[in-house]
């Protein structure tokens, strides 16, 4: 069995969206907003991007549909057992199968809330009944004031009422928004969920590319990964910053609600740089990936050149 993650990990990830809805609310499907008018994106949305990319790469994921149909945990595991010619499993064996087979279970955990199968009269009894994910991700936030817009269009197909013209469509999105997320990989939880360093590295790769893969729907077009930094701490060091969002700021001219691209602002990671240098004795390695359109100060750019470049886009 592959060795589990043996040291704390922490990451910050930023991507942007232009004329799209990063995370619709359950009522009107408008961009989600806090009482202080900060737009946010749930951790569930980012995890969906990651899972969908894993699926596109042939990796097994627990939170998924079956042949395009929505299913619950019971249906998903039952289908896996049937596909592998195994009639049943329970207790620790059932949990072992889940952890061995599904990378998202190792990363994010699961409540293992199985439902009784009425046809077979079977009750599932996993042990333990809850898997704590080794990776915890906070809600993402738009890092600046942003403007919500109503986007209207016309469908290509005519409605029954008006055959001569298409039906009008509308949805709500952001004019532009740079969204930041932070997360932590815990080595102690990794022992229980069997998360390996390779799994964690795969998650970072999927985080970067999953945003692009998600842009195949109209409301999610215009999403681009812009900046990712990962901190690998030294084994045995019980240390993490906990909220890297606090250390990344944007500096630009004019009203941020009128920004349209990274050309309108500078990504200021000076506080992050200072904190990383201050606590360097806890850190094994700093890795990053940076989109070429992102503007940085000379000091911040020089700092990154001394770090490990993940280079997920294969820049030349």
Protein backbone atom coordinates (compact mmCIF):
# COMPACT_ATOMS: atom_id res chain seq x y z
CA UNK A 1 0.00 0.00 0.00
CA UNK A 2 1.22 3.52 -0.83
CA UNK A 3 2.49 5.47 2.15
CA UNK A 4 0.06 8.08 3.42
CA UNK A 5 0.67 11.81 3.45
CA UNK A 6 3.30 12.37 6.13
CA UNK A 7 3.29 16.16 6.56
CA UNK A 8 0.85 19.07 6.64
CA UNK A 9 -0.05 20.73 3.34
CA UNK A 10 -1.75 24.07 2.74
CA UNK A 11 -2.80 25.75 -0.50
CA UNK A 12 -4.26 28.93 -1.94
CA UNK A 13 -5.94 28.89 -5.33
CA UNK A 14 -7.35 31.76 -7.37
CA UNK A 15 -9.30 31.65 -10.61
CA UNK A 16 -11.47 34.20 -12.35
CA UNK A 17 -14.74 34.33 -14.22
CA UNK A 18 -15.97 36.88 -16.72
CA UNK A 19 -19.65 37.36 -17.60
CA UNK A 20 -20.63 34.14 -15.86
CA UNK A 21 -22.09 32.74 -12.64
CA UNK A 22 -19.44 31.03 -10.49
CA UNK A 23 -21.94 29.46 -8.07
CA UNK A 24 -25.70 29.98 -8.35
CA UNK A 25 -27.91 30.14 -5.28
CA UNK A 26 -30.74 27.57 -4.90
CA UNK A 27 -33.55 30.09 -5.41
CA UNK A 28 -32.97 32.38 -8.39
CA UNK A 29 -29.62 30.89 -9.48
CA UNK A 30 -27.92 34.23 -8.94
CA UNK A 31 -24.29 34.51 -7.79
CA UNK A 32 -24.11 33.82 -4.05
CA UNK A 33 -23.50 36.88 -1.89
CA UNK A 34 -22.84 37.53 1.81
CA UNK A 35 -24.57 40.30 3.81
CA UNK A 36 -21.51 42.55 3.32
CA UNK A 37 -21.90 42.15 -0.49
CA UNK A 38 -18.93 39.81 -0.83
CA UNK A 39 -19.63 37.21 -3.51
CA UNK A 40 -18.65 33.67 -2.57
CA UNK A 41 -18.37 30.16 -3.99
CA UNK A 42 -18.96 27.05 -1.90
CA UNK A 43 -16.34 24.39 -1.29
CA UNK A 44 -18.82 21.92 -2.81
CA UNK A 45 -18.56 23.74 -6.15
CA UNK A 46 -14.76 23.53 -6.20
CA UNK A 47 -14.85 19.87 -5.19
CA UNK A 48 -17.24 19.21 -8.09
CA UNK A 49 -14.72 20.72 -10.50
CA UNK A 50 -12.02 18.49 -9.02
CA UNK A 51 -14.19 15.35 -9.15
CA UNK A 52 -15.28 16.00 -12.73
CA UNK A 53 -11.66 16.33 -13.82
CA UNK A 54 -10.76 13.09 -12.01
CA UNK A 55 -13.62 11.38 -13.84
CA UNK A 56 -12.42 12.71 -17.20
CA UNK A 57 -9.03 11.16 -16.43
CA UNK A 58 -10.53 7.75 -15.62
CA UNK A 59 -10.22 7.95 -11.83
CA UNK A 60 -13.00 6.44 -9.72
CA UNK A 61 -15.05 8.95 -7.72
CA UNK A 62 -17.62 8.18 -5.05
CA UNK A 63 -19.82 11.27 -5.54
CA UNK A 64 -20.97 10.61 -9.08
CA UNK A 65 -23.91 9.54 -11.21
CA UNK A 66 -24.45 6.16 -12.86
CA UNK A 67 -24.76 6.25 -16.64
CA UNK A 68 -25.86 9.86 -16.46
CA UNK A 69 -28.50 9.26 -13.79
CA UNK A 70 -28.32 10.83 -10.33
CA UNK A 71 -27.84 8.29 -7.57
CA UNK A 72 -27.17 8.17 -3.84
CA UNK A 73 -24.28 6.61 -1.97
CA UNK A 74 -26.05 3.24 -1.76
CA UNK A 75 -26.62 3.09 -5.50
CA UNK A 76 -23.06 4.16 -6.28
CA UNK A 77 -21.43 1.48 -4.08
CA UNK A 78 -23.92 -1.20 -5.16
CA UNK A 79 -23.08 -0.50 -8.79
CA UNK A 80 -19.34 -0.75 -8.00
CA UNK A 81 -19.77 -4.11 -6.26
CA UNK A 82 -21.88 -5.47 -9.12
CA UNK A 83 -19.38 -4.28 -11.71
CA UNK A 84 -16.56 -6.06 -9.87
CA UNK A 85 -18.52 -9.28 -9.31
CA UNK A 86 -18.78 -8.86 -5.56
CA UNK A 87 -22.18 -9.61 -4.02
CA UNK A 88 -21.82 -7.79 -0.72
CA UNK A 89 -19.47 -6.23 1.79
CA UNK A 90 -19.88 -4.73 5.23
CA UNK A 91 -18.04 -3.33 8.21
CA UNK A 92 -14.38 -2.46 7.75
CA UNK A 93 -14.24 -4.39 4.46
CA UNK A 94 -16.86 -2.05 2.97
CA UNK A 95 -14.92 1.03 4.08
CA UNK A 96 -11.69 -0.48 2.74
CA UNK A 97 -13.33 -0.92 -0.67
CA UNK A 98 -14.52 2.69 -0.69
CA UNK A 99 -11.11 4.08 0.26
CA UNK A 100 -9.22 1.85 -2.15
CA UNK A 101 -11.54 2.63 -5.06
CA UNK A 102 -12.48 6.31 -4.84
CA UNK A 103 -9.92 9.11 -4.64
CA UNK A 104 -12.51 11.70 -3.56
CA UNK A 105 -13.36 9.59 -0.49
CA UNK A 106 -9.69 9.64 0.50
CA UNK A 107 -9.51 13.40 -0.09
CA UNK A 108 -12.81 14.75 1.17
CA UNK A 109 -14.35 11.95 3.21
CA UNK A 110 -18.01 10.91 3.34
CA UNK A 111 -20.79 10.46 5.89
CA UNK A 112 -21.39 6.87 4.58
CA UNK A 113 -25.12 7.41 5.08
CA UNK A 114 -26.29 4.26 3.34
CA UNK A 115 -30.00 3.69 2.80
CA UNK A 116 -31.74 0.36 3.25
CA UNK A 117 -32.29 -1.41 -0.06
CA UNK A 118 -36.01 -2.13 -0.08
CA UNK A 119 -35.90 -4.77 -2.82
CA UNK A 120 -33.16 -6.88 -1.25
CA UNK A 121 -34.04 -5.88 2.31
CA UNK A 122 -30.36 -5.21 2.90
CA UNK A 123 -28.96 -2.85 5.52
CA UNK A 124 -25.43 -1.54 5.09
CA UNK A 125 -23.23 -1.38 8.17
CA UNK A 126 -19.96 0.42 7.37
CA UNK A 127 -17.34 0.68 10.08
CA UNK A 128 -16.65 3.49 10.79
CA UNK A 129 -19.88 5.25 9.74
CA UNK A 130 -18.13 8.54 8.94
CA UNK A 131 -14.94 9.22 7.03
CA UNK A 132 -13.24 12.50 7.83
CA UNK A 133 -11.62 13.98 4.77
CA UNK A 134 -7.89 14.60 4.98
CA UNK A 135 -8.36 17.76 2.90
CA UNK A 136 -10.62 20.52 4.18
CA UNK A 137 -11.46 23.43 1.87
CA UNK A 138 -13.11 26.67 2.96
CA UNK A 139 -15.64 28.65 0.97
CA UNK A 140 -14.08 30.77 -1.76
CA UNK A 141 -14.52 34.53 -1.93
CA UNK A 142 -14.32 37.10 -4.70
CA UNK A 143 -11.27 39.12 -3.63
CA UNK A 144 -12.64 42.52 -4.64
CA UNK A 145 -15.90 44.41 -5.08
CA UNK A 146 -17.74 42.90 -8.03
CA UNK A 147 -20.76 43.77 -10.12
CA UNK A 148 -23.67 41.42 -10.75
CA UNK A 149 -25.17 41.74 -14.23
CA UNK A 150 -28.23 40.35 -15.95
CA UNK A 151 -27.18 38.61 -19.14
CA UNK A 152 -29.83 38.25 -21.81
CA UNK A 153 -29.90 36.27 -25.02
CA UNK A 154 -32.11 34.47 -27.51
CA UNK A 155 -32.28 30.72 -28.00
CA UNK A 156 -31.80 29.30 -31.48
CA UNK A 157 -35.06 27.35 -31.34
CA UNK A 158 -38.43 29.05 -31.75
CA UNK A 159 -41.02 28.75 -29.02
CA UNK A 160 -44.49 27.33 -29.67
CA UNK A 161 -45.99 30.76 -29.13
CA UNK A 162 -43.68 32.58 -31.51
CA UNK A 163 -42.45 30.34 -34.30
CA UNK A 164 -40.82 33.23 -36.11
CA UNK A 165 -38.30 33.98 -33.36
CA UNK A 166 -36.37 32.24 -30.66
CA UNK A 167 -37.29 32.42 -27.00
CA UNK A 168 -35.62 34.99 -24.80
CA UNK A 169 -33.20 33.72 -22.17
CA UNK A 170 -31.59 35.39 -19.20
CA UNK A 171 -29.29 34.55 -16.35
CA UNK A 172 -27.33 36.44 -13.73
CA UNK A 173 -23.57 36.49 -13.47
CA UNK A 174 -20.58 38.60 -12.50
CA UNK A 175 -19.05 41.18 -14.83
CA UNK A 176 -15.70 39.93 -13.53
CA UNK A 177 -14.48 38.26 -10.38
CA UNK A 178 -11.21 36.83 -9.08
CA UNK A 179 -12.11 34.07 -6.63
CA UNK A 180 -9.76 32.80 -3.93
CA UNK A 181 -9.90 29.48 -2.06
CA UNK A 182 -7.74 28.02 0.68
CA UNK A 183 -7.46 24.48 1.97
CA UNK A 184 -5.44 22.28 4.31
CA UNK A 185 -4.29 18.69 3.99
CA UNK A 186 -3.91 17.07 7.40
CA UNK A 187 -1.42 14.23 7.76
CA UNK A 188 -3.19 12.75 10.82
CA UNK A 189 -6.51 12.44 9.01
CA UNK A 190 -4.62 11.09 6.01
CA UNK A 191 -3.65 8.01 8.01
CA UNK A 192 -7.33 7.18 8.51
CA UNK A 193 -8.43 8.00 4.97
CA UNK A 194 -5.27 6.51 3.37
CA UNK A 195 -4.57 9.70 1.43
CA UNK A 196 -1.15 9.56 -0.18
CA UNK A 197 1.14 12.35 -1.32
CA UNK A 198 0.40 11.26 -4.89
CA UNK A 199 -3.35 11.68 -4.23
CA UNK A 200 -2.78 15.17 -2.88
CA UNK A 201 -0.58 16.12 -5.84
CA UNK A 202 -3.28 14.81 -8.18
CA UNK A 203 -5.81 17.03 -6.40
CA UNK A 204 -3.68 20.14 -7.00
CA UNK A 205 -3.39 19.23 -10.68
CA UNK A 206 -7.16 18.65 -10.89
CA UNK A 207 -7.84 21.95 -9.13
CA UNK A 208 -5.92 23.86 -11.80
CA UNK A 209 -7.29 22.04 -14.82
CA UNK A 210 -10.77 21.32 -13.44
CA UNK A 211 -11.70 25.00 -13.66
CA UNK A 212 -11.08 24.96 -17.40
CA UNK A 213 -12.92 21.67 -17.88
CA UNK A 214 -15.94 23.13 -16.09
CA UNK A 215 -16.33 25.84 -18.71
CA UNK A 216 -18.45 23.70 -21.01
CA UNK A 217 -21.71 25.27 -19.85
CA UNK A 218 -22.89 28.74 -20.75
CA UNK A 219 -22.92 30.10 -17.19
CA UNK A 220 -19.45 28.69 -16.43
CA UNK A 221 -17.63 29.91 -19.53
CA UNK A 222 -14.82 32.39 -19.08
CA UNK A 223 -13.24 30.68 -16.05
CA UNK A 224 -9.44 30.64 -15.99
CA UNK A 225 -7.00 29.37 -13.30
CA UNK A 226 -4.70 32.24 -12.35
CA UNK A 227 -2.60 31.39 -9.29
CA UNK A 228 -1.92 28.38 -7.10
CA UNK A 229 0.54 28.13 -4.24
CA UNK A 230 1.06 25.06 -2.07
CA UNK A 231 3.01 24.93 1.18
CA UNK A 232 4.50 21.59 2.19
CA UNK A 233 5.44 21.72 5.84
CA UNK A 234 8.17 19.66 7.45
CA UNK A 235 7.11 16.29 8.90
CA UNK A 236 6.31 16.53 12.59
CA UNK A 237 5.69 20.29 12.54
CA UNK A 238 2.24 21.07 13.93
CA UNK A 239 1.92 24.34 12.06
CA UNK A 240 -0.28 25.94 9.40
CA UNK A 241 -1.46 29.46 8.62
CA UNK A 242 -5.06 28.32 8.33
CA UNK A 243 -6.49 31.05 6.11
CA UNK A 244 -4.21 32.11 3.27
CA UNK A 245 -7.00 34.32 1.91
CA UNK A 246 -5.90 36.89 4.49
CA UNK A 247 -2.50 37.24 2.81
CA UNK A 248 -3.52 37.94 -0.79
CA UNK A 249 -4.76 41.36 -1.90
CA UNK A 250 -5.47 43.12 -5.19
CA UNK A 251 -4.23 46.57 -6.14
CA UNK A 252 -5.74 48.32 -9.13
CA UNK A 253 -6.96 51.62 -10.51
CA UNK A 254 -10.56 52.75 -10.56
CA UNK A 255 -13.65 50.99 -9.29
CA UNK A 256 -13.00 47.20 -8.96
CA UNK A 257 -16.56 46.59 -10.13
CA UNK A 258 -15.45 47.80 -13.56
CA UNK A 259 -12.48 45.43 -13.82
CA UNK A 260 -12.54 43.03 -16.75
CA UNK A 261 -9.29 41.05 -16.59
CA UNK A 262 -5.95 40.66 -14.75
CA UNK A 263 -4.69 43.65 -16.74
CA UNK A 264 -6.73 45.88 -14.42
CA UNK A 265 -4.94 45.00 -11.18
CA UNK A 266 -1.79 43.70 -9.53
CA UNK A 267 -1.90 40.51 -7.46
CA UNK A 268 -0.26 41.53 -4.20
CA UNK A 269 1.21 38.54 -2.33
CA UNK A 270 3.67 40.61 -0.32
CA UNK A 271 2.05 39.68 3.02
CA UNK A 272 2.02 36.00 2.03
CA UNK A 273 5.69 36.29 1.06
CA UNK A 274 6.54 37.93 4.39
CA UNK A 275 4.71 35.26 6.39
CA UNK A 276 6.33 32.43 4.46
CA UNK A 277 9.77 33.93 5.01
CA UNK A 278 9.01 34.54 8.70
CA UNK A 279 8.04 30.91 9.30
CA UNK A 280 10.37 29.28 6.79
CA UNK A 281 11.77 27.00 9.51
CA UNK A 282 8.45 25.09 9.42
CA UNK A 283 8.39 24.73 5.63
CA UNK A 284 9.83 21.96 3.48
CA UNK A 285 8.86 23.31 0.07
CA UNK A 286 6.77 26.02 -1.57
CA UNK A 287 5.26 25.18 -4.98
CA UNK A 288 3.27 27.38 -7.30
CA UNK A 289 1.62 27.71 -10.69
CA UNK A 290 1.05 31.14 -12.24
CA UNK A 291 -0.88 32.21 -15.30
CA UNK A 292 1.27 34.42 -17.56
CA UNK A 293 -1.33 37.22 -17.60
CA UNK A 294 -1.14 37.77 -13.84
CA UNK A 295 0.73 40.93 -12.81
CA UNK A 296 3.04 40.79 -9.79
CA UNK A 297 5.46 43.21 -8.21
CA UNK A 298 9.16 42.56 -8.98
CA UNK A 299 9.70 41.49 -5.35
CA UNK A 300 6.85 38.97 -5.42
CA UNK A 301 7.91 37.59 -8.79
CA UNK A 302 11.51 37.17 -7.62
CA UNK A 303 10.24 35.32 -4.57
CA UNK A 304 8.32 32.83 -6.71
CA UNK A 305 11.28 32.16 -8.97
CA UNK A 306 13.03 30.65 -5.95
CA UNK A 307 10.08 28.27 -5.37
CA UNK A 308 9.17 25.06 -7.18
CA UNK A 309 7.24 25.78 -10.39
CA UNK A 310 4.48 23.19 -10.92
CA UNK A 311 4.11 24.44 -14.51
CA UNK A 312 0.81 22.65 -15.12
CA UNK A 313 0.36 24.45 -18.45
CA UNK A 314 3.81 23.50 -19.73
CA UNK A 315 4.92 27.07 -20.49
CA UNK A 316 7.91 27.43 -22.78
